[in-house]
Every structure is written in structure tokens, then in C-alpha cells.
Amino acid sequence: QVQLVESGGGLVQPGGSLRLSCATSGTSFSVHRMGWYRQAPGKEREEVAHITTYGFIEYGDSVKGRFTISRDNAKDTVYLQMNSLKPDDTAAYYCNAWNTLTGQDYWGQGTQVTVSS
């Protein structure tokens, strides 16, 4: 059974930083494109960033220059380093794994990030 477990969310002041982690199990991590998405109350889920199996990275416009996605294939884990956080970054953040061989999609349970003074 494929599992994605996010951690690292919490309450932070504007301008602060957080690092999210997503540990995967039950599948071959290296064949998955990994991504982070977020959803704020009353808004649609949006892609924050993704990293392909080859390490190609794309970011959403609202986080470019502030967030950094990375993956450690040895640890089956993807990270999201979030700097210069703003109140608009407040949302539930979800980890996504897309199997490039089968097309199957997997989601974590989400971790809450709240940016507030």
C-alpha cells in the first residue's frame, strides 16, 4: 500500500521559514514525479511545485524565489523549503506522487501551514 506522510507544518510569523517533508513508502519512489500542492479555505487546490524523476523543477508563480523543492531518492522523501512566508501562504499543503510508468496518482493527508503574527 502506497503511503505519503507529510510533516513540518505549523504556525509561523510573516517572513519566517518552514520545511515540509513527505516520506513515501510502498512504492518505487524514484519513478514518481513528486509535487506539493496547497489549498486554502474557499479556494481551489493549486500546485506549488513539482520535481520530475530527472530533477526538473517547476514552481507556481506565487512561490518562485521563495520556495525550494528537492528530493532524496535514497530516503524516499521530498522536501519543500519555504522562506519569506506570507499570510497568503496559509493553507493545507499536500504531497503528491505521480507514477510515471503507470499514471497512478497518490496523495498525502496534508499538513497545515499558518502564517500569522
N, C-alpha and C. Protein backbone atom coordinates (compact mmCIF):
# COMPACT_ATOMS: atom_id res chain seq x y z
N GLN A 1 0.85 -1.19 0.00
CA GLN A 1 0.00 0.00 0.00
C GLN A 1 0.88 1.24 0.00
N VAL A 2 0.59 2.14 -0.91
CA VAL A 2 1.38 3.36 -1.03
C VAL A 2 0.95 4.34 0.05
N GLN A 3 1.92 4.91 0.75
CA GLN A 3 1.63 5.90 1.77
C GLN A 3 2.53 7.11 1.59
N LEU A 4 1.94 8.28 1.74
CA LEU A 4 2.67 9.53 1.73
C LEU A 4 2.36 10.23 3.05
N VAL A 5 3.39 10.55 3.81
CA VAL A 5 3.18 11.16 5.12
C VAL A 5 3.93 12.48 5.18
N GLU A 6 3.15 13.56 5.26
CA GLU A 6 3.73 14.90 5.35
C GLU A 6 4.01 15.27 6.80
N SER A 7 4.99 16.12 6.98
CA SER A 7 5.30 16.67 8.30
C SER A 7 5.97 18.01 8.11
N GLY A 8 6.04 18.77 9.21
CA GLY A 8 6.76 20.03 9.18
C GLY A 8 5.90 21.28 9.16
N GLY A 9 4.59 21.10 9.07
CA GLY A 9 3.72 22.27 9.08
C GLY A 9 3.65 22.90 10.46
N GLY A 10 3.00 24.06 10.52
CA GLY A 10 2.86 24.71 11.80
C GLY A 10 2.52 26.18 11.65
N LEU A 11 2.66 26.90 12.74
CA LEU A 11 2.38 28.33 12.79
C LEU A 11 3.71 29.08 12.73
N VAL A 12 3.77 30.06 11.84
CA VAL A 12 5.00 30.84 11.69
C VAL A 12 4.63 32.29 11.42
N GLN A 13 5.49 33.19 11.83
CA GLN A 13 5.24 34.61 11.60
C GLN A 13 5.59 34.99 10.17
N PRO A 14 4.98 36.03 9.65
CA PRO A 14 5.36 36.50 8.31
C PRO A 14 6.86 36.76 8.22
N GLY A 15 7.43 36.32 7.10
CA GLY A 15 8.87 36.43 6.92
C GLY A 15 9.64 35.23 7.40
N GLY A 16 8.97 34.34 8.09
CA GLY A 16 9.63 33.16 8.63
C GLY A 16 9.77 32.04 7.62
N SER A 17 10.29 30.93 8.10
CA SER A 17 10.56 29.78 7.24
C SER A 17 10.01 28.49 7.85
N LEU A 18 9.68 27.56 6.98
CA LEU A 18 9.31 26.21 7.38
C LEU A 18 9.84 25.25 6.35
N ARG A 19 10.08 24.02 6.77
CA ARG A 19 10.49 22.97 5.84
C ARG A 19 9.53 21.80 5.97
N LEU A 20 8.84 21.52 4.88
CA LEU A 20 7.93 20.38 4.85
C LEU A 20 8.66 19.16 4.32
N SER A 21 8.28 18.02 4.85
CA SER A 21 8.81 16.75 4.37
C SER A 21 7.66 15.82 4.00
N CYS A 22 7.91 14.98 3.03
CA CYS A 22 6.92 13.97 2.63
C CYS A 22 7.65 12.66 2.44
N ALA A 23 7.44 11.75 3.37
CA ALA A 23 8.07 10.43 3.29
C ALA A 23 7.12 9.45 2.61
N THR A 24 7.63 8.71 1.66
CA THR A 24 6.80 7.76 0.94
C THR A 24 7.20 6.33 1.27
N SER A 25 6.25 5.42 1.11
CA SER A 25 6.52 4.01 1.31
C SER A 25 5.55 3.20 0.46
N GLY A 26 5.93 1.95 0.20
CA GLY A 26 5.06 1.06 -0.53
C GLY A 26 5.15 1.17 -2.04
N THR A 27 6.12 1.92 -2.53
CA THR A 27 6.26 2.07 -3.97
C THR A 27 7.69 2.46 -4.30
N SER A 28 8.01 2.46 -5.59
CA SER A 28 9.35 2.86 -6.03
C SER A 28 9.39 4.37 -6.18
N PHE A 29 9.98 5.01 -5.20
CA PHE A 29 9.98 6.47 -5.15
C PHE A 29 10.59 7.08 -6.41
N SER A 30 11.64 6.46 -6.91
CA SER A 30 12.41 7.09 -7.99
C SER A 30 11.64 7.21 -9.30
N VAL A 31 10.54 6.46 -9.47
CA VAL A 31 9.80 6.55 -10.73
C VAL A 31 8.63 7.53 -10.64
N HIS A 32 8.54 8.23 -9.51
CA HIS A 32 7.43 9.17 -9.32
C HIS A 32 7.87 10.61 -9.49
N ARG A 33 7.07 11.35 -10.24
CA ARG A 33 7.19 12.79 -10.18
C ARG A 33 6.55 13.22 -8.87
N MET A 34 7.25 14.02 -8.11
CA MET A 34 6.77 14.43 -6.80
C MET A 34 6.39 15.90 -6.82
N GLY A 35 5.30 16.19 -6.13
CA GLY A 35 4.84 17.57 -6.12
C GLY A 35 4.24 17.97 -4.79
N TRP A 36 4.16 19.28 -4.61
CA TRP A 36 3.47 19.86 -3.46
C TRP A 36 2.33 20.73 -3.99
N TYR A 37 1.18 20.58 -3.37
CA TYR A 37 0.01 21.38 -3.68
C TYR A 37 -0.48 22.00 -2.39
N ARG A 38 -1.31 23.02 -2.53
CA ARG A 38 -1.89 23.63 -1.33
C ARG A 38 -3.33 24.04 -1.62
N GLN A 39 -4.09 24.10 -0.55
CA GLN A 39 -5.48 24.52 -0.66
C GLN A 39 -5.84 25.35 0.55
N ALA A 40 -6.24 26.58 0.29
CA ALA A 40 -6.70 27.48 1.33
C ALA A 40 -8.21 27.39 1.42
N PRO A 41 -8.79 27.74 2.56
CA PRO A 41 -10.25 27.68 2.71
C PRO A 41 -10.95 28.50 1.64
N GLY A 42 -11.91 27.90 0.98
CA GLY A 42 -12.69 28.59 -0.04
C GLY A 42 -12.00 28.72 -1.38
N LYS A 43 -10.80 28.14 -1.51
CA LYS A 43 -10.07 28.24 -2.77
C LYS A 43 -9.81 26.85 -3.34
N GLU A 44 -9.50 26.81 -4.63
CA GLU A 44 -9.18 25.55 -5.27
C GLU A 44 -7.75 25.15 -4.93
N ARG A 45 -7.51 23.85 -5.03
CA ARG A 45 -6.15 23.35 -4.80
C ARG A 45 -5.26 23.84 -5.93
N GLU A 46 -4.07 24.30 -5.59
CA GLU A 46 -3.14 24.79 -6.59
C GLU A 46 -1.79 24.11 -6.42
N GLU A 47 -1.10 23.97 -7.54
CA GLU A 47 0.22 23.37 -7.49
C GLU A 47 1.23 24.39 -7.00
N VAL A 48 2.04 23.97 -6.05
CA VAL A 48 3.10 24.83 -5.52
C VAL A 48 4.40 24.57 -6.28
N ALA A 49 4.74 23.31 -6.43
CA ALA A 49 5.98 22.95 -7.11
C ALA A 49 5.97 21.46 -7.42
N HIS A 50 6.74 21.08 -8.43
CA HIS A 50 6.96 19.66 -8.64
C HIS A 50 8.39 19.43 -9.12
N ILE A 51 8.84 18.20 -8.93
CA ILE A 51 10.18 17.81 -9.35
C ILE A 51 10.05 16.46 -10.04
N THR A 52 10.59 16.35 -11.23
CA THR A 52 10.46 15.12 -12.00
C THR A 52 11.49 14.09 -11.56
N THR A 53 11.39 12.92 -12.17
CA THR A 53 12.34 11.86 -11.86
C THR A 53 13.76 12.24 -12.28
N TYR A 54 13.87 13.17 -13.22
CA TYR A 54 15.19 13.63 -13.68
C TYR A 54 15.67 14.86 -12.93
N GLY A 55 14.85 15.35 -12.03
CA GLY A 55 15.25 16.51 -11.26
C GLY A 55 14.82 17.85 -11.85
N PHE A 56 14.01 17.80 -12.91
CA PHE A 56 13.49 19.04 -13.48
C PHE A 56 12.44 19.61 -12.54
N ILE A 57 12.51 20.90 -12.30
CA ILE A 57 11.66 21.56 -11.29
C ILE A 57 10.84 22.68 -11.92
N GLU A 58 9.62 22.78 -11.45
CA GLU A 58 8.76 23.91 -11.80
C GLU A 58 8.07 24.41 -10.55
N TYR A 59 7.87 25.73 -10.49
CA TYR A 59 7.20 26.35 -9.36
C TYR A 59 5.99 27.15 -9.81
N GLY A 60 5.03 27.25 -8.90
CA GLY A 60 3.93 28.16 -9.14
C GLY A 60 4.43 29.60 -9.06
N ASP A 61 3.78 30.48 -9.80
CA ASP A 61 4.25 31.86 -9.86
C ASP A 61 4.30 32.53 -8.49
N SER A 62 3.38 32.19 -7.63
CA SER A 62 3.28 32.88 -6.34
C SER A 62 4.40 32.50 -5.36
N VAL A 63 5.15 31.43 -5.67
CA VAL A 63 6.18 31.00 -4.72
C VAL A 63 7.58 31.06 -5.31
N LYS A 64 7.69 31.42 -6.57
CA LYS A 64 9.01 31.48 -7.20
C LYS A 64 9.94 32.42 -6.43
N GLY A 65 11.17 31.93 -6.21
CA GLY A 65 12.15 32.73 -5.50
C GLY A 65 12.07 32.62 -3.98
N ARG A 66 11.01 31.98 -3.49
CA ARG A 66 10.85 31.85 -2.03
C ARG A 66 10.86 30.39 -1.58
N PHE A 67 10.32 29.51 -2.38
CA PHE A 67 10.22 28.09 -2.04
C PHE A 67 11.21 27.29 -2.87
N THR A 68 11.67 26.20 -2.28
CA THR A 68 12.58 25.29 -2.97
C THR A 68 12.14 23.85 -2.73
N ILE A 69 11.92 23.12 -3.81
CA ILE A 69 11.57 21.71 -3.71
C ILE A 69 12.81 20.88 -3.98
N SER A 70 12.93 19.78 -3.28
CA SER A 70 14.05 18.87 -3.50
C SER A 70 13.60 17.45 -3.17
N ARG A 71 14.37 16.48 -3.65
CA ARG A 71 14.02 15.09 -3.37
C ARG A 71 15.29 14.33 -3.03
N ASP A 72 15.12 13.35 -2.15
CA ASP A 72 16.21 12.47 -1.77
C ASP A 72 15.75 11.05 -2.09
N ASN A 73 16.21 10.53 -3.21
CA ASN A 73 15.78 9.20 -3.63
C ASN A 73 16.25 8.10 -2.68
N ALA A 74 17.34 8.36 -1.95
CA ALA A 74 17.84 7.37 -1.00
C ALA A 74 16.94 7.27 0.22
N LYS A 75 16.25 8.37 0.52
CA LYS A 75 15.36 8.39 1.69
C LYS A 75 13.89 8.34 1.31
N ASP A 76 13.59 8.25 0.01
CA ASP A 76 12.21 8.21 -0.46
C ASP A 76 11.41 9.39 0.08
N THR A 77 12.03 10.55 0.04
CA THR A 77 11.43 11.73 0.66
C THR A 77 11.57 12.94 -0.25
N VAL A 78 10.54 13.76 -0.26
CA VAL A 78 10.57 15.03 -0.96
C VAL A 78 10.39 16.14 0.07
N TYR A 79 11.04 17.26 -0.18
CA TYR A 79 11.04 18.37 0.76
C TYR A 79 10.51 19.63 0.08
N LEU A 80 10.02 20.53 0.90
CA LEU A 80 9.65 21.86 0.43
C LEU A 80 10.17 22.86 1.46
N GLN A 81 11.22 23.57 1.08
CA GLN A 81 11.75 24.63 1.93
C GLN A 81 11.02 25.91 1.59
N MET A 82 10.38 26.50 2.58
CA MET A 82 9.57 27.69 2.37
C MET A 82 10.17 28.84 3.16
N ASN A 83 10.62 29.86 2.44
CA ASN A 83 11.20 31.05 3.06
C ASN A 83 10.35 32.27 2.77
N SER A 84 10.58 33.32 3.51
CA SER A 84 9.86 34.58 3.32
C SER A 84 8.35 34.34 3.26
N LEU A 85 7.87 33.60 4.19
CA LEU A 85 6.45 33.23 4.17
C LEU A 85 5.55 34.44 4.37
N LYS A 86 4.41 34.39 3.69
CA LYS A 86 3.43 35.46 3.74
C LYS A 86 2.11 34.90 4.26
N PRO A 87 1.23 35.77 4.77
CA PRO A 87 -0.09 35.28 5.19
C PRO A 87 -0.84 34.55 4.08
N ASP A 88 -0.63 34.96 2.82
CA ASP A 88 -1.29 34.30 1.70
C ASP A 88 -0.81 32.87 1.48
N ASP A 89 0.29 32.49 2.11
CA ASP A 89 0.77 31.12 2.00
C ASP A 89 0.02 30.17 2.95
N THR A 90 -0.83 30.72 3.79
CA THR A 90 -1.59 29.90 4.71
C THR A 90 -2.52 28.96 3.95
N ALA A 91 -2.36 27.67 4.23
CA ALA A 91 -3.13 26.65 3.52
C ALA A 91 -2.78 25.28 4.08
N ALA A 92 -3.56 24.30 3.67
CA ALA A 92 -3.17 22.91 3.89
C ALA A 92 -2.28 22.50 2.71
N TYR A 93 -1.13 21.94 3.00
CA TYR A 93 -0.17 21.55 1.97
C TYR A 93 -0.20 20.03 1.81
N TYR A 94 -0.30 19.61 0.56
CA TYR A 94 -0.43 18.20 0.26
C TYR A 94 0.73 17.73 -0.63
N CYS A 95 1.21 16.56 -0.31
CA CYS A 95 2.24 15.92 -1.11
C CYS A 95 1.56 15.03 -2.17
N ASN A 96 2.12 15.04 -3.36
CA ASN A 96 1.57 14.24 -4.46
C ASN A 96 2.68 13.42 -5.09
N ALA A 97 2.35 12.17 -5.42
CA ALA A 97 3.28 11.31 -6.15
C ALA A 97 2.58 10.79 -7.38
N TRP A 98 3.16 11.05 -8.52
CA TRP A 98 2.57 10.58 -9.79
C TRP A 98 3.52 9.58 -10.41
N ASN A 99 3.04 8.35 -10.55
CA ASN A 99 3.85 7.28 -11.09
C ASN A 99 3.99 7.46 -12.60
N THR A 100 5.21 7.70 -13.06
CA THR A 100 5.43 7.99 -14.48
C THR A 100 5.28 6.74 -15.35
N LEU A 101 5.25 5.57 -14.73
CA LEU A 101 5.12 4.34 -15.50
C LEU A 101 3.66 3.89 -15.62
N THR A 102 2.89 4.06 -14.56
CA THR A 102 1.51 3.57 -14.55
C THR A 102 0.47 4.68 -14.62
N GLY A 103 0.89 5.92 -14.35
CA GLY A 103 -0.06 7.02 -14.34
C GLY A 103 -0.86 7.12 -13.05
N GLN A 104 -0.58 6.28 -12.08
CA GLN A 104 -1.31 6.34 -10.82
C GLN A 104 -0.88 7.55 -10.01
N ASP A 105 -1.85 8.08 -9.27
CA ASP A 105 -1.69 9.31 -8.52
C ASP A 105 -1.92 9.02 -7.04
N TYR A 106 -1.04 9.53 -6.20
CA TYR A 106 -1.19 9.31 -4.77
C TYR A 106 -1.08 10.65 -4.03
N TRP A 107 -1.81 10.73 -2.91
CA TRP A 107 -1.84 11.97 -2.13
C TRP A 107 -1.59 11.68 -0.65
N GLY A 108 -0.93 12.64 0.00
CA GLY A 108 -0.80 12.56 1.44
C GLY A 108 -2.03 13.14 2.11
N GLN A 109 -2.02 13.12 3.43
CA GLN A 109 -3.18 13.58 4.19
C GLN A 109 -3.18 15.08 4.41
N GLY A 110 -2.06 15.72 4.14
CA GLY A 110 -1.97 17.16 4.26
C GLY A 110 -1.36 17.60 5.58
N THR A 111 -0.71 18.75 5.54
CA THR A 111 -0.17 19.36 6.75
C THR A 111 -0.48 20.86 6.69
N GLN A 112 -0.93 21.40 7.80
CA GLN A 112 -1.39 22.78 7.84
C GLN A 112 -0.22 23.74 8.05
N VAL A 113 -0.20 24.77 7.22
CA VAL A 113 0.76 25.87 7.38
C VAL A 113 -0.04 27.14 7.61
N THR A 114 0.25 27.81 8.71
CA THR A 114 -0.43 29.05 9.04
C THR A 114 0.61 30.14 9.24
N VAL A 115 0.48 31.20 8.47
CA VAL A 115 1.40 32.32 8.55
C VAL A 115 0.65 33.51 9.14
N SER A 116 1.01 33.86 10.35
CA SER A 116 0.26 34.90 11.05
C SER A 116 1.12 35.49 12.16
N SER A 117 0.89 36.78 12.41
CA SER A 117 1.59 37.43 13.51
C SER A 117 0.73 37.41 14.77
